Amino acid sequence: MPLIEPQTFRTMFDGVWWAIVTAATIGYGDIVPETVAGKLAAIVLIAVGTGIIGAYFSSVSAAAATRETAHTNGQLAYKEHGHIIIVGWNERAREMLLRLAGQDPPSRVVLIDATVPSHPLPHIPVHFIKGAAHDDAVLEKANLSHARFVLITADPHKAEEEADRDTIVALLAAKSLNPSVYAIVEILTARHVPNAFRAGADEVIQTNLLASAAMTASLYSPGTASSLERMLGRFGEQTLRLLPPTEQQIGQPFAAVQQQLLAQHIALLGVVCGDSGSLSIRPQRLIEKDDRLFVLVS
């Protein structure tokens, strides 16, 4: 433009500025070509430049829409590390996801499921992968190799025996890809608990056992199950945790540590003994280094 119309475009920067403003259809009007040659150059710029910029923004928008669609449909691979993988969409998974999303900061969670057509909870920060958890390609898409935990829930649409077998198959697939991942599995039948541990489970949750214990307790003492539900945080903010003892707590009796924790609004319910894994509530038992404190945190 300085060559075509030097009296208007005094520097190269004037030409660059005018070209950008014109191609972007902003048109400030601070610099306007006055000669026929300058106006012809403007026509070419408008015809060509506007199309190029429009095509660019259209491609950016299309790429963003494609990525969002892939995320919603569970086709987008997860790239971050140190996350939690939850397998199976059901009411238990829903409650877990809502709790984890409500933490500060929220946990990084990936949900794997093959039954839902799209992301079941698009309003919370959960990455969805559609597919079967026993499929290596699906587990790799969930970045299992860099996950901290994998929790496999039982399929409520199948018979208990079949659901447990599917859980163990998914566990074997997960452990084959990442032997160090901490695997928690939900088992419905007692006979499959040893199989789950042999398959590499680090922790087994027997849902039917927990539910039947709560129901039986309510038969002997009505309202026990409701109290247990509230204690587990269904209607409040309390959570059950296992805490390692501090240096000051090691060597002290259970009753003394219990009083100390109460001052911090933490209820010590028992001590998981490090040598046997049994739960002790003896007031005079001394806390040992390998013990873990079973507490209710409010």
Protein backbone atom coordinates (compact mmCIF):
# COMPACT_ATOMS: atom_id res chain seq x y z
CA MET A 1 0.00 0.00 0.00
CA PRO A 2 2.86 2.53 0.58
CA LEU A 3 3.93 1.77 -3.01
CA ILE A 4 0.43 2.09 -4.46
CA GLU A 5 -0.69 5.13 -2.45
CA PRO A 6 2.26 6.68 -0.60
CA GLN A 7 0.43 9.93 0.24
CA THR A 8 -2.09 7.99 2.41
CA PHE A 9 0.01 5.04 3.60
CA ARG A 10 3.20 6.72 4.77
CA THR A 11 4.77 3.64 6.41
CA MET A 12 4.62 -0.13 6.07
CA PHE A 13 2.91 -0.29 9.47
CA ASP A 14 0.07 1.91 8.15
CA GLY A 15 -0.51 -0.68 5.43
CA VAL A 16 -0.46 -3.57 7.91
CA TRP A 17 -2.84 -1.78 10.29
CA TRP A 18 -5.28 -0.91 7.50
CA ALA A 19 -5.18 -4.46 6.08
CA ILE A 20 -5.99 -6.07 9.44
CA VAL A 21 -8.78 -3.60 10.25
CA THR A 22 -10.28 -4.00 6.78
CA ALA A 23 -10.04 -7.80 6.58
CA ALA A 24 -11.59 -8.09 10.05
CA THR A 25 -14.56 -5.96 8.79
CA ILE A 26 -14.00 -3.45 11.62
CA GLY A 27 -13.27 -0.47 9.35
CA TYR A 28 -12.22 2.33 11.71
CA GLY A 29 -11.92 4.76 8.79
CA ASP A 30 -8.75 6.40 10.11
CA ILE A 31 -6.91 5.35 6.93
CA VAL A 32 -8.90 5.18 3.66
CA PRO A 33 -7.47 4.65 0.14
CA GLU A 34 -8.29 7.55 -2.16
CA THR A 35 -6.87 6.52 -5.53
CA VAL A 36 -8.35 4.02 -7.98
CA ALA A 37 -5.39 1.69 -7.50
CA GLY A 38 -5.77 1.87 -3.71
CA LYS A 39 -9.49 1.15 -3.91
CA LEU A 40 -8.89 -1.80 -6.23
CA ALA A 41 -6.39 -3.19 -3.69
CA ALA A 42 -9.03 -2.73 -0.99
CA ILE A 43 -11.57 -4.68 -3.06
CA VAL A 44 -9.12 -7.56 -3.45
CA LEU A 45 -8.31 -7.49 0.26
CA ILE A 46 -11.97 -7.53 1.24
CA ALA A 47 -12.79 -10.36 -1.15
CA VAL A 48 -9.82 -12.52 -0.23
CA GLY A 49 -8.89 -11.48 3.30
CA THR A 50 -12.38 -11.60 4.74
CA GLY A 51 -12.84 -15.11 3.36
CA ILE A 52 -9.55 -16.26 4.88
CA ILE A 53 -10.37 -14.84 8.31
CA GLY A 54 -13.91 -16.23 8.16
CA ALA A 55 -12.62 -19.65 7.20
CA TYR A 56 -10.10 -19.54 10.05
CA PHE A 57 -12.67 -18.72 12.72
CA SER A 58 -15.07 -21.26 11.24
CA SER A 59 -12.41 -23.95 11.52
CA VAL A 60 -11.66 -22.93 15.12
CA SER A 61 -15.37 -23.08 15.98
CA ALA A 62 -15.76 -26.44 14.25
CA ALA A 63 -12.77 -27.85 16.12
CA ALA A 64 -14.18 -26.63 19.45
CA ALA A 65 -17.60 -28.11 18.65
CA THR A 66 -16.01 -31.42 17.62
CA ARG A 67 -14.02 -31.58 20.83
CA GLU A 68 -17.08 -30.79 22.95
CA THR A 69 -19.08 -33.47 21.13
CA ALA A 70 -16.28 -36.00 21.66
CA HIS A 71 -16.17 -35.08 25.37
CA THR A 72 -19.94 -35.47 25.76
CA ASN A 73 -20.03 -38.77 23.86
CA GLY A 74 -17.10 -40.21 25.82
CA GLN A 75 -14.64 -40.40 22.92
CA LEU A 76 -12.05 -37.89 24.18
CA ALA A 77 -8.92 -39.40 25.76
CA TYR A 78 -7.86 -38.24 29.23
CA LYS A 79 -4.32 -36.83 29.51
CA GLU A 80 -3.78 -35.82 33.14
CA HIS A 81 -2.07 -37.88 35.85
CA GLY A 82 -2.91 -38.86 39.42
CA HIS A 83 -6.66 -39.18 38.83
CA ILE A 84 -9.42 -41.49 40.06
CA ILE A 85 -11.16 -43.90 37.69
CA ILE A 86 -14.68 -45.05 38.55
CA VAL A 87 -16.10 -47.94 36.52
CA GLY A 88 -19.86 -48.27 36.08
CA TRP A 89 -22.73 -45.79 36.11
CA ASN A 90 -25.31 -46.37 38.85
CA GLU A 91 -26.68 -44.58 41.91
CA ARG A 92 -23.59 -45.43 43.94
CA ALA A 93 -21.38 -43.91 41.25
CA ARG A 94 -23.61 -40.83 41.12
CA GLU A 95 -23.28 -40.24 44.86
CA MET A 96 -19.50 -40.71 44.71
CA LEU A 97 -19.09 -38.32 41.78
CA LEU A 98 -21.18 -35.62 43.45
CA ARG A 99 -19.19 -35.96 46.67
CA LEU A 100 -15.84 -35.87 44.88
CA ALA A 101 -16.90 -32.87 42.80
CA GLY A 102 -17.89 -31.03 45.98
CA GLN A 103 -14.42 -31.27 47.48
CA ASP A 104 -12.14 -28.26 47.57
CA PRO A 105 -10.31 -28.62 45.26
CA PRO A 106 -12.46 -31.16 43.39
CA SER A 107 -10.84 -34.49 42.65
CA ARG A 108 -9.87 -35.36 39.08
CA VAL A 109 -12.21 -38.20 38.15
CA VAL A 110 -12.76 -40.31 35.04
CA LEU A 111 -15.99 -42.29 34.66
CA ILE A 112 -16.02 -45.38 32.43
CA ASP A 113 -19.33 -46.88 31.35
CA ALA A 114 -20.73 -48.59 28.27
CA THR A 115 -24.44 -48.35 29.03
CA VAL A 116 -25.18 -44.60 28.98
CA PRO A 117 -25.32 -42.86 25.57
CA SER A 118 -23.57 -39.67 26.70
CA HIS A 119 -22.05 -37.93 29.72
CA PRO A 120 -24.50 -38.57 32.60
CA LEU A 121 -23.34 -35.57 34.69
CA PRO A 122 -22.19 -32.86 32.24
CA HIS A 123 -22.58 -30.10 34.84
CA ILE A 124 -19.79 -31.36 37.13
CA PRO A 125 -16.04 -31.68 36.35
CA VAL A 126 -15.94 -35.41 35.50
CA HIS A 127 -14.33 -36.82 32.36
CA PHE A 128 -16.47 -39.48 30.68
CA ILE A 129 -15.13 -42.42 28.67
CA LYS A 130 -17.68 -44.60 26.89
CA GLY A 131 -16.78 -48.26 26.65
CA ALA A 132 -16.29 -51.52 28.52
CA ALA A 133 -13.75 -51.48 31.35
CA HIS A 134 -12.28 -54.84 30.33
CA ASP A 135 -11.23 -53.34 26.97
CA ASP A 136 -7.55 -52.30 26.99
CA ALA A 137 -8.23 -49.49 24.49
CA VAL A 138 -10.86 -47.99 26.79
CA LEU A 139 -8.57 -48.21 29.84
CA GLU A 140 -5.74 -46.60 27.88
CA LYS A 141 -8.09 -43.81 26.80
CA ALA A 142 -8.82 -43.25 30.51
CA ASN A 143 -5.03 -43.03 31.07
CA LEU A 144 -5.09 -45.88 33.58
CA SER A 145 -1.29 -46.10 33.48
CA HIS A 146 -1.09 -42.80 35.38
CA ALA A 147 -4.15 -43.17 37.64
CA ARG A 148 -3.91 -43.30 41.45
CA PHE A 149 -7.10 -45.26 42.10
CA VAL A 150 -9.53 -47.40 40.16
CA LEU A 151 -12.89 -48.23 41.74
CA ILE A 152 -14.98 -50.88 40.00
CA THR A 153 -18.67 -50.96 40.92
CA ALA A 154 -20.99 -53.92 40.41
CA ASP A 155 -23.42 -53.78 37.48
CA PRO A 156 -26.94 -53.51 39.01
CA HIS A 157 -28.56 -54.75 35.77
CA LYS A 158 -26.98 -58.21 36.03
CA ALA A 159 -27.37 -61.15 38.39
CA GLU A 160 -24.99 -60.99 41.35
CA GLU A 161 -22.80 -63.89 40.21
CA GLU A 162 -22.48 -62.48 36.70
CA ALA A 163 -21.85 -58.95 38.02
CA ASP A 164 -19.03 -60.23 40.24
CA ARG A 165 -17.43 -62.13 37.37
CA ASP A 166 -17.51 -59.01 35.19
CA THR A 167 -15.99 -56.99 38.04
CA ILE A 168 -13.10 -59.43 38.39
CA VAL A 169 -12.48 -59.45 34.62
CA ALA A 170 -12.33 -55.63 34.64
CA LEU A 171 -9.98 -55.79 37.64
CA LEU A 172 -7.64 -58.20 35.82
CA ALA A 173 -7.56 -55.87 32.80
CA ALA A 174 -6.79 -52.85 34.98
CA LYS A 175 -4.03 -54.58 36.93
CA SER A 176 -2.44 -55.91 33.75
CA LEU A 177 -2.04 -52.35 32.45
CA ASN A 178 -1.04 -50.77 35.77
CA PRO A 179 -0.09 -53.23 38.54
CA SER A 180 0.62 -50.39 40.98
CA VAL A 181 -2.81 -48.73 40.78
CA TYR A 182 -4.79 -49.00 44.03
CA ALA A 183 -7.82 -51.09 43.05
CA ILE A 184 -11.07 -51.02 45.02
CA VAL A 185 -13.81 -53.39 43.86
CA GLU A 186 -17.42 -53.89 44.83
CA ILE A 187 -18.28 -57.58 45.30
CA LEU A 188 -21.84 -58.75 45.92
CA THR A 189 -21.32 -62.43 46.80
CA ALA A 190 -19.01 -63.65 49.55
CA ARG A 191 -17.68 -66.55 47.47
CA HIS A 192 -16.06 -64.16 44.99
CA VAL A 193 -14.18 -62.11 47.60
CA PRO A 194 -11.12 -64.45 47.58
CA ASN A 195 -11.18 -64.40 43.77
CA ALA A 196 -11.10 -60.63 43.79
CA PHE A 197 -8.05 -60.57 46.05
CA ARG A 198 -6.34 -63.19 43.91
CA ALA A 199 -7.04 -61.01 40.86
CA GLY A 200 -5.16 -58.13 42.48
CA ALA A 201 -7.76 -56.16 44.45
CA ASP A 202 -6.24 -53.96 47.13
CA GLU A 203 -9.59 -53.47 48.84
CA VAL A 204 -12.95 -55.25 48.53
CA ILE A 205 -16.26 -53.63 49.48
CA GLN A 206 -19.03 -56.17 50.14
CA THR A 207 -22.13 -54.07 49.51
CA ASN A 208 -24.61 -56.78 50.48
CA LEU A 209 -22.74 -57.45 53.72
CA LEU A 210 -22.77 -53.77 54.69
CA ALA A 211 -26.45 -53.38 53.82
CA SER A 212 -27.53 -56.56 55.61
CA ALA A 213 -25.57 -55.57 58.74
CA ALA A 214 -27.32 -52.18 58.79
CA MET A 215 -30.73 -53.80 58.29
CA THR A 216 -30.13 -56.35 61.04
CA ALA A 217 -28.99 -53.61 63.41
CA SER A 218 -32.23 -51.71 62.78
CA LEU A 219 -34.25 -54.84 63.58
CA TYR A 220 -32.58 -55.05 67.00
CA SER A 221 -32.55 -51.29 67.54
CA PRO A 222 -34.88 -49.33 65.22
CA GLY A 223 -33.27 -46.25 63.68
CA THR A 224 -29.73 -47.61 63.71
CA ALA A 225 -29.48 -47.71 59.91
CA SER A 226 -30.69 -44.12 59.61
CA SER A 227 -28.13 -42.98 62.17
CA LEU A 228 -25.40 -44.85 60.31
CA GLU A 229 -26.48 -43.19 57.07
CA ARG A 230 -26.23 -39.75 58.65
CA MET A 231 -22.86 -40.63 60.15
CA LEU A 232 -21.56 -41.59 56.71
CA GLY A 233 -22.43 -38.12 55.47
CA ARG A 234 -25.58 -38.74 53.47
CA PHE A 235 -27.28 -35.75 55.12
CA GLY A 236 -24.26 -33.97 56.57
CA GLU A 237 -20.57 -33.26 56.16
CA GLN A 238 -19.19 -36.06 58.35
CA THR A 239 -16.82 -38.53 56.79
CA LEU A 240 -15.15 -41.71 58.01
CA ARG A 241 -11.39 -41.85 57.60
CA LEU A 242 -8.32 -43.87 58.52
CA LEU A 243 -5.52 -41.65 59.83
CA PRO A 244 -1.94 -42.59 60.70
CA PRO A 245 -1.03 -41.75 64.31
CA THR A 246 1.22 -38.77 64.95
CA GLU A 247 4.54 -39.07 66.75
CA GLN A 248 2.91 -37.66 69.91
CA GLN A 249 0.06 -40.19 69.79
CA ILE A 250 2.30 -43.25 69.45
CA GLY A 251 2.66 -44.93 72.84
CA GLN A 252 -0.40 -43.24 74.35
CA PRO A 253 -3.50 -45.22 75.40
CA PHE A 254 -6.58 -45.25 73.19
CA ALA A 255 -8.68 -43.29 75.72
CA ALA A 256 -6.13 -40.44 75.93
CA VAL A 257 -5.87 -40.09 72.15
CA GLN A 258 -9.65 -40.18 71.92
CA GLN A 259 -9.94 -37.18 74.25
CA GLN A 260 -7.27 -35.28 72.34
CA LEU A 261 -9.05 -35.79 69.01
CA LEU A 262 -12.43 -34.78 70.45
CA ALA A 263 -10.98 -31.33 71.08
CA GLN A 264 -10.37 -31.14 67.30
CA HIS A 265 -13.98 -32.27 66.53
CA ILE A 266 -12.71 -35.71 65.50
CA ALA A 267 -14.33 -38.80 67.05
CA LEU A 268 -12.00 -41.78 67.42
CA LEU A 269 -14.16 -44.88 66.86
CA GLY A 270 -11.44 -47.50 67.01
CA VAL A 271 -7.91 -48.48 66.11
CA VAL A 272 -7.10 -50.73 63.18
CA CYS A 273 -4.26 -52.83 64.56
CA GLY A 274 -1.23 -52.84 62.31
CA ASP A 275 -0.24 -56.44 63.07
CA SER A 276 -3.59 -58.12 62.46
CA GLY A 277 -5.87 -55.55 60.84
CA SER A 278 -8.47 -56.11 63.57
CA LEU A 279 -10.42 -53.22 65.13
CA SER A 280 -9.73 -52.47 68.78
CA ILE A 281 -11.63 -50.13 71.12
CA ARG A 282 -9.89 -51.13 74.40
CA PRO A 283 -9.36 -47.89 76.37
CA GLN A 284 -5.92 -48.89 77.69
CA ARG A 285 -4.48 -50.24 74.44
CA LEU A 286 -1.37 -48.30 73.50
CA ILE A 287 -1.25 -46.77 70.02
CA GLU A 288 1.50 -48.32 67.91
CA LYS A 289 3.38 -46.93 64.91
CA ASP A 290 1.75 -49.25 62.35
CA ASP A 291 -1.78 -48.67 63.67
CA ARG A 292 -4.36 -46.56 61.88
CA LEU A 293 -6.98 -44.46 63.63
CA PHE A 294 -10.56 -45.06 62.52
CA VAL A 295 -12.21 -41.66 62.97
CA LEU A 296 -15.34 -39.69 62.17
CA VAL A 297 -14.41 -36.19 60.96
CA SER A 298 -17.08 -33.52 61.22
